[in-house]
Protein backbone atom coordinates (compact mmCIF):
# COMPACT_ATOMS: atom_id res chain seq x y z
CA MET A 1 20.55 -27.16 -61.97
CA LYS A 2 17.90 -24.50 -62.29
CA LEU A 3 18.26 -24.67 -66.08
CA PRO A 4 18.61 -28.26 -67.41
CA ALA A 5 21.52 -28.88 -69.76
CA GLN A 6 19.29 -30.22 -72.53
CA ASN A 7 17.53 -26.84 -72.74
CA ILE A 8 20.69 -24.72 -72.94
CA LYS A 9 22.51 -24.85 -76.26
CA LYS A 10 23.99 -21.34 -76.42
CA ILE A 11 25.36 -19.29 -73.51
CA GLY A 12 26.58 -15.69 -73.53
CA VAL A 13 28.86 -14.43 -70.75
CA PHE A 14 28.96 -10.66 -70.30
CA ARG A 15 32.12 -9.33 -68.63
CA ALA A 16 33.65 -6.28 -70.29
CA LEU A 17 36.68 -5.81 -68.04
CA GLN A 18 40.45 -6.34 -67.95
CA LEU A 19 42.83 -9.29 -67.54
CA GLY A 20 42.81 -9.67 -63.76
CA ASP A 21 39.02 -9.38 -63.68
CA MET A 22 38.69 -12.04 -66.36
CA LEU A 23 41.10 -14.49 -64.73
CA CYS A 24 39.05 -14.32 -61.53
CA THR A 25 36.02 -15.71 -63.38
CA ILE A 26 37.80 -18.77 -64.77
CA PRO A 27 36.88 -21.11 -61.87
CA ALA A 28 33.22 -20.17 -62.43
CA ILE A 29 33.53 -20.64 -66.21
CA ARG A 30 35.19 -24.01 -65.61
CA ALA A 31 32.16 -25.09 -63.57
CA LEU A 32 29.82 -23.67 -66.23
CA ARG A 33 31.54 -25.67 -68.97
CA GLU A 34 31.31 -28.88 -66.92
CA ALA A 35 27.60 -28.28 -66.31
CA TYR A 36 26.86 -27.52 -69.97
CA PRO A 37 29.43 -29.59 -71.91
CA ARG A 38 27.56 -29.40 -75.24
CA ALA A 39 26.61 -25.74 -75.10
CA GLU A 40 28.30 -23.03 -77.12
CA ILE A 41 29.80 -20.48 -74.70
CA ILE A 42 30.53 -17.00 -76.08
CA LEU A 43 32.24 -14.14 -74.24
CA LEU A 44 30.89 -10.59 -74.70
CA SER A 45 33.77 -8.32 -73.74
CA LEU A 46 36.38 -5.71 -74.67
CA PRO A 47 38.50 -6.10 -77.84
CA TRP A 48 41.60 -7.38 -76.02
CA ALA A 49 39.63 -10.38 -74.70
CA LYS A 50 39.43 -12.09 -78.09
CA GLY A 51 42.92 -13.41 -77.41
CA PHE A 52 41.79 -14.42 -73.93
CA THR A 53 39.07 -16.67 -75.37
CA GLU A 54 41.62 -18.20 -77.74
CA ARG A 55 43.90 -18.99 -74.80
CA PHE A 56 40.96 -20.47 -72.92
CA ASN A 57 39.40 -22.19 -75.93
CA HIS A 58 38.67 -25.27 -73.81
CA TYR A 59 36.01 -23.15 -72.10
CA PHE A 60 34.99 -20.56 -74.70
CA ASP A 61 33.72 -21.22 -78.22
CA GLY A 62 33.64 -17.64 -79.42
CA PHE A 63 34.00 -13.92 -78.75
CA ILE A 64 31.86 -10.86 -79.49
CA HIS A 65 33.18 -7.33 -79.11
CA PHE A 66 30.98 -5.26 -76.78
CA PRO A 67 31.01 -1.62 -78.01
CA GLY A 68 30.42 0.16 -74.69
CA TYR A 69 27.55 1.55 -72.65
CA PRO A 70 26.95 4.76 -70.63
CA GLY A 71 28.47 4.52 -67.16
CA LEU A 72 30.94 1.74 -68.00
CA PRO A 73 34.40 3.36 -67.91
CA GLU A 74 36.44 0.78 -69.82
CA GLN A 75 35.67 2.27 -73.25
CA GLY A 76 33.69 5.07 -74.85
CA PHE A 77 30.04 4.84 -75.86
CA ALA A 78 28.91 5.21 -79.48
CA PRO A 79 25.09 5.13 -79.74
CA ALA A 80 25.00 3.93 -83.35
CA ALA A 81 27.43 1.10 -82.63
CA PHE A 82 25.45 0.04 -79.59
CA HIS A 83 22.20 0.08 -81.58
CA ARG A 84 23.76 -2.26 -84.17
CA PHE A 85 25.17 -4.44 -81.41
CA THR A 86 21.74 -4.80 -79.79
CA GLY A 87 20.28 -6.10 -83.04
CA GLU A 88 23.16 -8.53 -83.44
CA MET A 89 22.66 -9.85 -79.90
CA GLN A 90 18.97 -10.38 -80.51
CA ASN A 91 19.87 -12.42 -83.59
CA GLU A 92 22.25 -14.58 -81.54
CA GLU A 93 19.23 -16.05 -79.70
CA PHE A 94 21.08 -16.96 -76.50
CA ASP A 95 19.40 -19.63 -74.40
CA LEU A 96 21.21 -18.20 -71.37
CA LEU A 97 22.93 -14.84 -70.93
CA LEU A 98 25.02 -14.46 -67.77
CA GLN A 99 25.62 -11.05 -66.21
CA MET A 100 29.08 -11.43 -64.65
CA GLN A 101 30.06 -7.76 -64.82
CA GLY A 102 29.31 -6.81 -61.22
CA ASN A 103 26.39 -5.85 -59.01
CA GLY A 104 24.10 -5.23 -61.98
CA THR A 105 22.98 -1.70 -61.21
CA LEU A 106 24.04 -0.45 -64.65
CA VAL A 107 23.96 -3.44 -66.96
CA ASN A 108 20.94 -5.55 -66.00
CA PRO A 109 18.43 -3.34 -67.89
CA MET A 110 20.82 -3.23 -70.86
CA LEU A 111 21.20 -6.99 -71.08
CA GLU A 112 17.45 -7.50 -71.12
CA LEU A 113 17.45 -5.71 -74.50
CA PHE A 114 19.23 -8.71 -76.00
CA ASN A 115 16.16 -10.97 -75.65
CA ALA A 116 17.93 -14.07 -74.31
CA ASN A 117 15.60 -16.91 -73.33
CA HIS A 118 17.04 -16.77 -69.82
CA LEU A 119 18.96 -13.93 -68.16
CA ALA A 120 20.88 -14.65 -64.96
CA GLY A 121 23.46 -12.97 -62.77
CA PHE A 122 23.91 -10.52 -59.92
CA LYS A 123 21.46 -7.93 -58.66
CA THR A 124 21.36 -5.20 -56.01
CA ASP A 125 18.38 -4.31 -53.85
CA GLY A 126 16.67 -1.19 -55.07
CA HIS A 127 17.84 -1.63 -58.66
CA TYR A 128 16.21 -3.38 -61.57
CA ALA A 129 16.68 -7.08 -62.24
CA PRO A 130 14.32 -9.58 -63.88
CA ASP A 131 12.12 -11.37 -61.35
CA ASN A 132 12.86 -14.84 -62.71
CA GLY A 133 14.60 -16.57 -59.81
CA LEU A 134 17.96 -16.49 -61.63
CA PHE A 135 19.43 -13.37 -60.02
CA MET A 136 21.23 -13.49 -56.68
CA ASN A 137 22.02 -10.52 -54.48
CA TYR A 138 25.56 -9.40 -55.18
CA PRO A 139 27.88 -10.75 -52.45
CA ASP A 140 29.84 -7.61 -51.59
CA HIS A 141 32.42 -9.56 -49.58
CA GLY A 142 35.11 -12.18 -50.11
CA SER A 143 37.34 -12.76 -53.12
CA GLU A 144 36.25 -11.98 -56.67
CA ILE A 145 36.80 -15.65 -57.50
CA ASP A 146 34.44 -16.90 -54.82
CA ARG A 147 31.79 -14.31 -55.66
CA HIS A 148 31.40 -15.81 -59.12
CA LEU A 149 31.49 -19.35 -57.80
CA ALA A 150 28.64 -18.32 -55.49
CA LEU A 151 26.65 -17.31 -58.56
CA MET A 152 27.23 -20.73 -60.10
CA GLU A 153 26.13 -22.38 -56.87
CA TYR A 154 23.00 -20.22 -56.84
CA LEU A 155 22.20 -21.52 -60.32
CA GLY A 156 22.71 -25.09 -59.16
CA ILE A 157 26.10 -25.52 -60.82
CA GLU A 158 28.65 -27.45 -58.80
CA SER A 159 32.05 -25.89 -58.17
CA LEU A 160 35.22 -27.58 -59.41
CA GLY A 161 37.42 -25.58 -57.03
CA ASN A 162 38.75 -22.04 -56.96
CA ASP A 163 42.17 -22.68 -58.52
CA LEU A 164 43.14 -20.23 -61.23
CA GLU A 165 44.51 -21.18 -64.65
CA PHE A 166 46.71 -19.61 -67.30
CA PRO A 167 47.29 -22.02 -70.20
CA LEU A 168 50.60 -21.59 -72.00
CA MET A 169 50.85 -22.21 -75.72
CA GLU A 170 53.91 -23.35 -77.64
CA VAL A 171 54.17 -19.91 -79.24
CA ASP A 172 54.54 -18.36 -75.76
CA ILE A 173 57.43 -20.64 -74.87
CA ASP A 174 59.09 -20.15 -78.27
CA GLU A 175 58.83 -16.38 -77.98
CA LEU A 176 60.51 -16.42 -74.59
CA ARG A 177 63.20 -18.80 -75.80
CA GLN A 178 64.01 -16.54 -78.75
CA LEU A 179 64.81 -13.66 -76.39
CA LYS A 180 67.75 -15.75 -75.10
CA LEU A 181 67.55 -14.22 -71.64
CA PRO A 182 70.45 -15.15 -69.33
CA ILE A 183 68.18 -16.73 -66.72
CA GLU A 184 67.72 -20.09 -65.06
CA PRO A 185 64.40 -21.41 -63.70
CA GLN A 186 63.83 -20.43 -60.06
CA ARG A 187 66.91 -18.20 -60.06
CA TYR A 188 65.23 -14.96 -61.07
CA VAL A 189 62.57 -12.64 -59.73
CA CYS A 190 60.02 -10.89 -61.95
CA ILE A 191 59.49 -7.22 -61.10
CA HIS A 192 56.32 -5.84 -62.72
CA PRO A 193 55.99 -2.17 -61.72
CA GLY A 194 53.33 -1.07 -64.23
CA SER A 195 49.65 -0.58 -63.59
CA ARG A 196 46.65 0.55 -65.65
CA GLY A 197 46.08 3.70 -63.59
CA SER A 198 48.56 6.15 -62.09
CA TRP A 199 46.58 6.08 -58.86
CA ARG A 200 47.46 2.39 -58.56
CA GLN A 201 51.17 2.97 -59.03
CA TRP A 202 53.49 2.00 -56.17
CA PRO A 203 56.54 4.31 -55.95
CA VAL A 204 59.22 3.29 -58.42
CA ASN A 205 62.06 3.76 -55.92
CA TYR A 206 60.48 1.04 -53.76
CA PHE A 207 60.41 -1.36 -56.70
CA ALA A 208 64.06 -0.49 -57.35
CA ALA A 209 65.01 -1.23 -53.75
CA LEU A 210 63.32 -4.65 -53.80
CA ALA A 211 64.89 -5.51 -57.16
CA ASP A 212 68.35 -4.60 -55.78
CA PHE A 213 67.71 -6.72 -52.69
CA CYS A 214 66.81 -9.75 -54.80
CA ILE A 215 69.96 -9.33 -56.89
CA ASP A 216 72.03 -9.03 -53.71
CA GLN A 217 70.55 -12.38 -52.64
CA GLY A 218 71.90 -14.05 -55.78
CA TYR A 219 68.83 -13.77 -58.05
CA GLN A 220 68.46 -12.08 -61.40
CA ALA A 221 65.87 -9.31 -61.50
CA VAL A 222 63.74 -9.38 -64.66
CA ILE A 223 61.77 -6.18 -65.27
CA THR A 224 58.53 -6.85 -67.15
CA GLY A 225 56.04 -4.47 -68.71
CA THR A 226 54.36 -3.41 -71.91
CA LYS A 227 55.73 -0.80 -74.30
CA ASP A 228 53.26 1.69 -72.83
CA GLU A 229 54.81 1.11 -69.41
CA SER A 230 58.37 1.88 -70.55
CA GLU A 231 58.47 5.18 -68.69
CA ILE A 232 57.70 3.41 -65.42
CA THR A 233 60.14 0.55 -65.95
CA ALA A 234 62.89 2.98 -67.01
CA ALA A 235 62.30 4.96 -63.82
CA VAL A 236 62.72 1.79 -61.76
CA ILE A 237 65.92 0.81 -63.54
CA SER A 238 67.39 4.32 -63.20
CA ARG A 239 67.04 4.09 -59.42
CA MET A 240 68.75 0.70 -59.09
CA LYS A 241 72.39 0.21 -58.09
CA ASN A 242 72.49 -3.19 -59.83
CA THR A 243 71.72 -3.99 -63.47
CA PRO A 244 68.49 -5.92 -64.09
CA ILE A 245 67.29 -7.69 -67.23
CA ASP A 246 64.84 -5.38 -68.98
CA THR A 247 62.13 -7.07 -71.05
CA THR A 248 59.86 -4.02 -71.33
CA GLY A 249 57.91 -4.11 -74.59
CA LYS A 250 59.66 -7.29 -75.74
CA THR A 251 57.13 -9.86 -74.56
CA SER A 252 53.53 -10.75 -75.25
CA LEU A 253 51.17 -11.62 -72.42
CA GLY A 254 51.86 -15.30 -73.04
CA ALA A 255 55.64 -14.86 -72.82
CA VAL A 256 55.23 -12.93 -69.56
CA GLY A 257 53.17 -15.87 -68.32
CA ALA A 258 56.00 -18.25 -69.23
CA LEU A 259 58.45 -16.00 -67.38
CA ILE A 260 56.29 -15.92 -64.27
CA LYS A 261 55.78 -19.68 -64.35
CA ASN A 262 59.48 -20.36 -63.82
CA ALA A 263 60.30 -17.40 -61.57
CA ALA A 264 61.24 -17.75 -57.94
CA LEU A 265 59.09 -14.76 -57.06
CA LEU A 266 56.89 -12.03 -58.55
CA ILE A 267 56.73 -8.50 -57.14
CA SER A 268 53.90 -6.39 -58.53
CA ASN A 269 51.12 -3.87 -57.96
CA CYS A 270 49.14 -5.25 -60.92
CA THR A 271 46.36 -7.74 -60.27
CA GLY A 272 46.57 -9.22 -63.77
CA VAL A 273 50.07 -10.66 -63.37
CA SER A 274 49.43 -11.52 -59.72
CA HIS A 275 46.63 -13.86 -60.80
CA ILE A 276 48.95 -15.42 -63.38
CA ALA A 277 51.40 -16.08 -60.53
CA ALA A 278 48.58 -17.60 -58.50
CA ALA A 279 47.69 -19.87 -61.42
CA PHE A 280 51.26 -21.19 -61.54
CA LYS A 281 51.68 -21.16 -57.75
CA THR A 282 54.66 -18.86 -58.15
CA PRO A 283 55.17 -17.00 -54.84
CA SER A 284 54.36 -13.30 -55.05
CA VAL A 285 54.37 -10.03 -53.20
CA VAL A 286 51.39 -7.95 -54.30
CA ILE A 287 51.03 -4.32 -53.28
CA SER A 288 47.31 -3.53 -53.31
CA MET A 289 46.68 0.08 -54.26
CA ASP A 290 42.88 -0.11 -54.55
CA GLY A 291 41.95 -0.80 -50.93
CA GLU A 292 40.34 -4.17 -51.69
CA PRO A 293 43.03 -6.81 -51.09
CA HIS A 294 40.40 -9.21 -49.76
CA ARG A 295 38.67 -9.05 -53.13
CA TRP A 296 41.52 -8.92 -55.64
CA GLY A 297 44.44 -10.51 -53.81
CA PRO A 298 45.30 -14.20 -54.38
CA ILE A 299 43.37 -16.57 -52.13
CA ASP A 300 46.49 -18.43 -50.92
CA THR A 301 47.82 -15.84 -48.47
CA TYR A 302 50.82 -17.98 -47.46
CA ARG A 303 52.35 -18.27 -50.92
CA HIS A 304 51.10 -14.83 -52.01
CA ARG A 305 51.55 -11.85 -49.69
CA THR A 306 49.14 -9.00 -50.42
CA ILE A 307 49.81 -5.72 -48.65
CA ASN A 308 47.04 -3.14 -48.36
CA TRP A 309 49.07 -0.02 -49.11
CA LEU A 310 46.14 2.32 -48.48
CA LYS A 311 45.85 0.99 -44.93
CA ALA A 312 49.54 0.44 -44.17
CA PRO A 313 51.76 2.55 -46.47
CA ASP A 314 54.98 1.25 -44.94
CA PHE A 315 57.80 0.03 -47.19
CA HIS A 316 59.26 -2.05 -44.39
CA ILE A 317 56.14 -4.23 -44.27
CA VAL A 318 56.54 -5.03 -47.98
CA PHE A 319 60.28 -5.58 -47.51
CA ARG A 320 59.75 -8.04 -44.65
CA GLU A 321 57.28 -10.07 -46.72
CA THR A 322 59.78 -10.12 -49.60
CA VAL A 323 62.58 -11.29 -47.30
CA ASP A 324 60.38 -14.03 -45.88
CA LEU A 325 59.41 -15.37 -49.31
CA ILE A 326 62.98 -15.21 -50.63
CA GLN A 327 64.13 -17.23 -47.64
CA GLN A 328 61.44 -19.81 -48.28
CA VAL A 329 62.28 -20.32 -51.94
CA ALA A 330 66.06 -20.31 -51.41
């Protein structure tokens, strides 16, 4: 390793993004933990990710809320809060701070303000990065998972594979059990029509058609989504000829994970739940609305069918992939 384990006692990981983005880094974090088994590893991220570190407490030892920075769209920027945060980060005295946000054009100068002993991560030609031998050129190709494993390899950290994980806790299973859903393992399909942005929203009538098809094949259709996605899920249900099981707003992230684990199939245009399906090896049909299926789609393209809707906006392609997977799991 470029940085010997005996010299690294405290590691900060900067990645202020959403669920799917975070799940894609887990193989890299797994390798990092193996390389530095005695180090304290702390995630610097958005408020929601505190629960993420608790779920992955075998890799993370703590969480610090990042208050935002100009140019990062995930949350607003408050100068006074950022000033306080900078002082707090300097007091943390990280031995290693990893920039795992992206290509580094925005955040590399910011992270240097935190005065870590070593700063490492991605860089882009023509933009600032410390000249310390710990920054690799951002690999603008391949899956998001493998990009972060490439960073670990650059730092001399051996990969432990690119399998995803989503640990379930007893509270997740209990929560799902208490809903008393009329479902049997492998005899239902999860339909997750919600997405964080309207521009990433697949038409609800298409979701309805696939849900009806699955029911016609003898499966239950379980509609999943947060309370904020109730308008979308209601639109799907209103266009169905059959009656699905609606769990909108009734489940935590962990309970949704438990649902996906035992489903025969997941149909979604959301990368977060698609990576949960990949972690459990639950077959899935993923409609990619961002034009980067090679980056965000599951790596196993046999079990998980990712359709680039921006390139091929044809419902029949999605339908054929759904039929094929249903036939395989039958």
